[in-house]
């Protein structure tokens, strides 16, 4: 049950973020969720972010380095999900967002491969016309650092 709840929370968060990126208002999201107000919908999203963030706190069979990698990937996933313009920022932005959505349930080896793919796609941003917002750039750098530390060569 806990694993199913975690997957459902991650999926619900992704659906809410997708609706926001597609231009839905908080009021519309509240109505779709059967909630009474836009504030209730925003609070629901915050609860889901917290639930998804807590997932890596359980001991990771692959060790502390992978746990830090998961945490950094989840942070970037949250930033991407909150960015209404993300899908239009660069050519592979949608792929990066969808790859990050797989992070919560990924086992250590798969997580490492997912993050490697995300970093490779983000490398295409060098010299982009629309640079990422500073907090997102910082989250990308933390992800790169965590990937370097988790690398098997170390």
C-alpha atoms as a PDB file:
ATOM      1  CA  UNK A   1       0.000   0.000   0.000  1.00  0.00           C
ATOM      2  CA  UNK A   2       2.720   2.578   0.787  1.00  0.00           C
ATOM      3  CA  UNK A   3       4.351   2.060  -2.610  1.00  0.00           C
ATOM      4  CA  UNK A   4       0.997   2.414  -4.377  1.00  0.00           C
ATOM      5  CA  UNK A   5       0.217   5.586  -2.359  1.00  0.00           C
ATOM      6  CA  UNK A   6       3.615   7.033  -3.302  1.00  0.00           C
ATOM      7  CA  UNK A   7       2.999   6.342  -7.007  1.00  0.00           C
ATOM      8  CA  UNK A   8      -0.481   7.875  -6.825  1.00  0.00           C
ATOM      9  CA  UNK A   9       0.827  10.976  -5.052  1.00  0.00           C
ATOM     10  CA  UNK A  10       3.548  11.441  -7.668  1.00  0.00           C
ATOM     11  CA  UNK A  11       1.046  10.952 -10.488  1.00  0.00           C
ATOM     12  CA  UNK A  12      -1.477  13.370  -8.962  1.00  0.00           C
ATOM     13  CA  UNK A  13       1.252  15.978  -8.509  1.00  0.00           C
ATOM     14  CA  UNK A  14       2.278  15.522 -12.135  1.00  0.00           C
ATOM     15  CA  UNK A  15      -1.330  15.934 -13.310  1.00  0.00           C
ATOM     16  CA  UNK A  16      -1.810  19.115 -11.280  1.00  0.00           C
ATOM     17  CA  UNK A  17       1.467  20.549 -12.579  1.00  0.00           C
ATOM     18  CA  UNK A  18       0.558  19.604 -16.154  1.00  0.00           C
ATOM     19  CA  UNK A  19      -2.816  21.338 -15.794  1.00  0.00           C
ATOM     20  CA  UNK A  20      -1.100  24.483 -14.502  1.00  0.00           C
ATOM     21  CA  UNK A  21       1.415  24.417 -17.385  1.00  0.00           C
ATOM     22  CA  UNK A  22      -1.497  24.062 -19.799  1.00  0.00           C
ATOM     23  CA  UNK A  23      -3.062  27.217 -18.350  1.00  0.00           C
ATOM     24  CA  UNK A  24      -5.618  25.881 -15.863  1.00  0.00           C
ATOM     25  CA  UNK A  25      -6.383  28.194 -12.965  1.00  0.00           C
ATOM     26  CA  UNK A  26      -6.269  27.034  -9.355  1.00  0.00           C
ATOM     27  CA  UNK A  27     -10.053  27.417  -9.258  1.00  0.00           C
ATOM     28  CA  UNK A  28     -10.448  25.055 -12.208  1.00  0.00           C
ATOM     29  CA  UNK A  29      -8.079  22.559 -10.610  1.00  0.00           C
ATOM     30  CA  UNK A  30     -10.005  22.771  -7.323  1.00  0.00           C
ATOM     31  CA  UNK A  31     -13.252  22.035  -9.160  1.00  0.00           C
ATOM     32  CA  UNK A  32     -11.716  19.058 -11.000  1.00  0.00           C
ATOM     33  CA  UNK A  33     -10.414  17.652  -7.708  1.00  0.00           C
ATOM     34  CA  UNK A  34     -13.737  18.189  -5.956  1.00  0.00           C
ATOM     35  CA  UNK A  35     -12.253  20.757  -3.600  1.00  0.00           C
ATOM     36  CA  UNK A  36     -14.051  23.849  -2.354  1.00  0.00           C
ATOM     37  CA  UNK A  37     -11.528  26.578  -3.173  1.00  0.00           C
ATOM     38  CA  UNK A  38      -8.412  27.499  -5.090  1.00  0.00           C
ATOM     39  CA  UNK A  39      -6.560  27.662  -1.751  1.00  0.00           C
ATOM     40  CA  UNK A  40      -7.535  24.061  -1.059  1.00  0.00           C
ATOM     41  CA  UNK A  41      -6.101  23.026  -4.450  1.00  0.00           C
ATOM     42  CA  UNK A  42      -2.837  24.884  -3.767  1.00  0.00           C
ATOM     43  CA  UNK A  43      -2.616  23.274  -0.319  1.00  0.00           C
ATOM     44  CA  UNK A  44      -3.248  19.855  -1.900  1.00  0.00           C
ATOM     45  CA  UNK A  45      -0.313  20.413  -4.269  1.00  0.00           C
ATOM     46  CA  UNK A  46       1.935  21.407  -1.359  1.00  0.00           C
ATOM     47  CA  UNK A  47       0.911  18.251   0.534  1.00  0.00           C
ATOM     48  CA  UNK A  48       1.766  16.175  -2.515  1.00  0.00           C
ATOM     49  CA  UNK A  49       5.150  17.892  -2.925  1.00  0.00           C
ATOM     50  CA  UNK A  50       5.906  17.092   0.710  1.00  0.00           C
ATOM     51  CA  UNK A  51       4.798  13.472   0.274  1.00  0.00           C
ATOM     52  CA  UNK A  52       6.900  13.004  -2.854  1.00  0.00           C
ATOM     53  CA  UNK A  53       9.894  14.673  -1.183  1.00  0.00           C
ATOM     54  CA  UNK A  54       9.669  12.291   1.800  1.00  0.00           C
ATOM     55  CA  UNK A  55       9.886   9.164  -0.373  1.00  0.00           C
ATOM     56  CA  UNK A  56      13.693   8.998  -0.499  1.00  0.00           C
ATOM     57  CA  UNK A  57      13.982   9.318   3.282  1.00  0.00           C
ATOM     58  CA  UNK A  58      13.590   5.546   3.591  1.00  0.00           C
ATOM     59  CA  UNK A  59      16.929   3.756   3.517  1.00  0.00           C
ATOM     60  CA  UNK A  60      18.001   3.240  -0.081  1.00  0.00           C
ATOM     61  CA  UNK A  61      19.417  -0.192  -0.772  1.00  0.00           C
ATOM     62  CA  UNK A  62      21.932   1.444  -3.120  1.00  0.00           C
ATOM     63  CA  UNK A  63      23.435   3.660  -0.451  1.00  0.00           C
ATOM     64  CA  UNK A  64      23.591   7.248   0.657  1.00  0.00           C
ATOM     65  CA  UNK A  65      25.041   8.589  -2.615  1.00  0.00           C
ATOM     66  CA  UNK A  66      22.028   7.366  -4.587  1.00  0.00           C
ATOM     67  CA  UNK A  67      19.699   8.742  -1.896  1.00  0.00           C
ATOM     68  CA  UNK A  68      21.289  12.192  -2.389  1.00  0.00           C
ATOM     69  CA  UNK A  69      20.994  11.778  -6.150  1.00  0.00           C
ATOM     70  CA  UNK A  70      17.285  10.983  -5.781  1.00  0.00           C
ATOM     71  CA  UNK A  71      16.801  14.004  -3.516  1.00  0.00           C
ATOM     72  CA  UNK A  72      18.490  16.326  -6.039  1.00  0.00           C
ATOM     73  CA  UNK A  73      16.431  14.870  -8.905  1.00  0.00           C
ATOM     74  CA  UNK A  74      13.198  15.319  -6.924  1.00  0.00           C
ATOM     75  CA  UNK A  75      14.119  18.932  -6.182  1.00  0.00           C
ATOM     76  CA  UNK A  76      14.608  19.614  -9.900  1.00  0.00           C
ATOM     77  CA  UNK A  77      11.359  17.760 -10.662  1.00  0.00           C
ATOM     78  CA  UNK A  78       9.500  20.076  -8.265  1.00  0.00           C
ATOM     79  CA  UNK A  79      11.052  23.172  -9.856  1.00  0.00           C
ATOM     80  CA  UNK A  80      10.218  21.961 -13.371  1.00  0.00           C
ATOM     81  CA  UNK A  81       6.662  21.114 -12.318  1.00  0.00           C
ATOM     82  CA  UNK A  82       6.120  24.597 -10.921  1.00  0.00           C
ATOM     83  CA  UNK A  83       7.455  26.327 -14.070  1.00  0.00           C
ATOM     84  CA  UNK A  84       4.472  27.074 -16.323  1.00  0.00           C
ATOM     85  CA  UNK A  85       6.815  27.829 -19.240  1.00  0.00           C
ATOM     86  CA  UNK A  86       9.047  24.788 -18.857  1.00  0.00           C
ATOM     87  CA  UNK A  87       7.786  22.856 -21.896  1.00  0.00           C
ATOM     88  CA  UNK A  88       8.617  25.813 -24.164  1.00  0.00           C
ATOM     89  CA  UNK A  89      12.053  26.615 -22.743  1.00  0.00           C
ATOM     90  CA  UNK A  90      14.133  24.356 -25.014  1.00  0.00           C
ATOM     91  CA  UNK A  91      13.774  21.551 -27.502  1.00  0.00           C
ATOM     92  CA  UNK A  92      14.004  18.606 -25.081  1.00  0.00           C
ATOM     93  CA  UNK A  93      12.249  20.255 -22.103  1.00  0.00           C
ATOM     94  CA  UNK A  94       9.229  17.936 -22.261  1.00  0.00           C
ATOM     95  CA  UNK A  95      11.501  14.883 -22.318  1.00  0.00           C
ATOM     96  CA  UNK A  96      13.403  16.172 -19.279  1.00  0.00           C
ATOM     97  CA  UNK A  97      10.139  16.756 -17.397  1.00  0.00           C
ATOM     98  CA  UNK A  98       8.791  13.299 -18.262  1.00  0.00           C
ATOM     99  CA  UNK A  99      12.070  11.607 -17.346  1.00  0.00           C
ATOM    100  CA  UNK A 100      12.127  13.384 -13.976  1.00  0.00           C
ATOM    101  CA  UNK A 101       8.554  12.189 -13.359  1.00  0.00           C
ATOM    102  CA  UNK A 102       9.909   8.619 -13.239  1.00  0.00           C
ATOM    103  CA  UNK A 103      12.330   9.438 -10.395  1.00  0.00           C
ATOM    104  CA  UNK A 104      10.100   8.732  -7.363  1.00  0.00           C
ATOM    105  CA  UNK A 105       9.670   5.036  -8.145  1.00  0.00           C
ATOM    106  CA  UNK A 106      13.027   4.325  -9.778  1.00  0.00           C
ATOM    107  CA  UNK A 107      15.421   1.814  -8.226  1.00  0.00           C
ATOM    108  CA  UNK A 108      19.043   2.914  -7.759  1.00  0.00           C
ATOM    109  CA  UNK A 109      20.479   1.742 -11.072  1.00  0.00           C
ATOM    110  CA  UNK A 110      17.514   3.011 -13.053  1.00  0.00           C
ATOM    111  CA  UNK A 111      17.621   6.304 -11.133  1.00  0.00           C
ATOM    112  CA  UNK A 112      21.267   6.766 -12.079  1.00  0.00           C
ATOM    113  CA  UNK A 113      20.456   6.139 -15.763  1.00  0.00           C
ATOM    114  CA  UNK A 114      17.468   8.514 -15.648  1.00  0.00           C
ATOM    115  CA  UNK A 115      19.576  11.293 -14.145  1.00  0.00           C
ATOM    116  CA  UNK A 116      22.329  10.717 -16.709  1.00  0.00           C
ATOM    117  CA  UNK A 117      19.718  11.145 -19.466  1.00  0.00           C
ATOM    118  CA  UNK A 118      18.319  14.309 -17.856  1.00  0.00           C
ATOM    119  CA  UNK A 119      21.797  15.829 -17.539  1.00  0.00           C
ATOM    120  CA  UNK A 120      22.584  14.978 -21.171  1.00  0.00           C
ATOM    121  CA  UNK A 121      19.349  16.654 -22.284  1.00  0.00           C
ATOM    122  CA  UNK A 122      20.074  19.695 -20.118  1.00  0.00           C
ATOM    123  CA  UNK A 123      23.529  19.971 -21.705  1.00  0.00           C
ATOM    124  CA  UNK A 124      21.673  21.016 -24.857  1.00  0.00           C
ATOM    125  CA  UNK A 125      20.826  24.241 -23.013  1.00  0.00           C
ATOM    126  CA  UNK A 126      24.327  25.671 -23.370  1.00  0.00           C
ATOM    127  CA  UNK A 127      23.862  28.990 -25.108  1.00  0.00           C
ATOM    128  CA  UNK A 128      20.053  28.803 -25.054  1.00  0.00           C
ATOM    129  CA  UNK A 129      18.150  31.984 -25.835  1.00  0.00           C
ATOM    130  CA  UNK A 130      16.027  31.672 -22.694  1.00  0.00           C
ATOM    131  CA  UNK A 131      18.229  30.759 -19.741  1.00  0.00           C
ATOM    132  CA  UNK A 132      16.686  28.907 -16.841  1.00  0.00           C
ATOM    133  CA  UNK A 133      15.604  30.882 -13.775  1.00  0.00           C
ATOM    134  CA  UNK A 134      18.341  31.089 -11.131  1.00  0.00           C
ATOM    135  CA  UNK A 135      16.696  28.659  -8.640  1.00  0.00           C
ATOM    136  CA  UNK A 136      16.253  26.070 -11.408  1.00  0.00           C
ATOM    137  CA  UNK A 137      19.864  26.550 -12.569  1.00  0.00           C
ATOM    138  CA  UNK A 138      20.990  25.981  -8.969  1.00  0.00           C
ATOM    139  CA  UNK A 139      18.878  22.793  -8.768  1.00  0.00           C
ATOM    140  CA  UNK A 140      20.461  21.576 -12.038  1.00  0.00           C
ATOM    141  CA  UNK A 141      23.945  22.188 -10.610  1.00  0.00           C
ATOM    142  CA  UNK A 142      23.061  20.268  -7.425  1.00  0.00           C
ATOM    143  CA  UNK A 143      21.840  17.411  -9.615  1.00  0.00           C
ATOM    144  CA  UNK A 144      25.075  17.439 -11.631  1.00  0.00           C
ATOM    145  CA  UNK A 145      27.121  17.410  -8.412  1.00  0.00           C
ATOM    146  CA  UNK A 146      25.073  14.543  -6.950  1.00  0.00           C
ATOM    147  CA  UNK A 147      25.489  12.582 -10.190  1.00  0.00           C
ATOM    148  CA  UNK A 148      29.252  13.075 -10.101  1.00  0.00           C
ATOM    149  CA  UNK A 149      29.430  11.865  -6.480  1.00  0.00           C
ATOM    150  CA  UNK A 150      27.177   8.845  -7.199  1.00  0.00           C
ATOM    151  CA  UNK A 151      29.159   7.867 -10.281  1.00  0.00           C
ATOM    152  CA  UNK A 152      30.551   4.298 -10.064  1.00  0.00           C
ATOM    153  CA  UNK A 153      34.011   5.593 -10.960  1.00  0.00           C
ATOM    154  CA  UNK A 154      34.294   7.182  -7.489  1.00  0.00           C
END
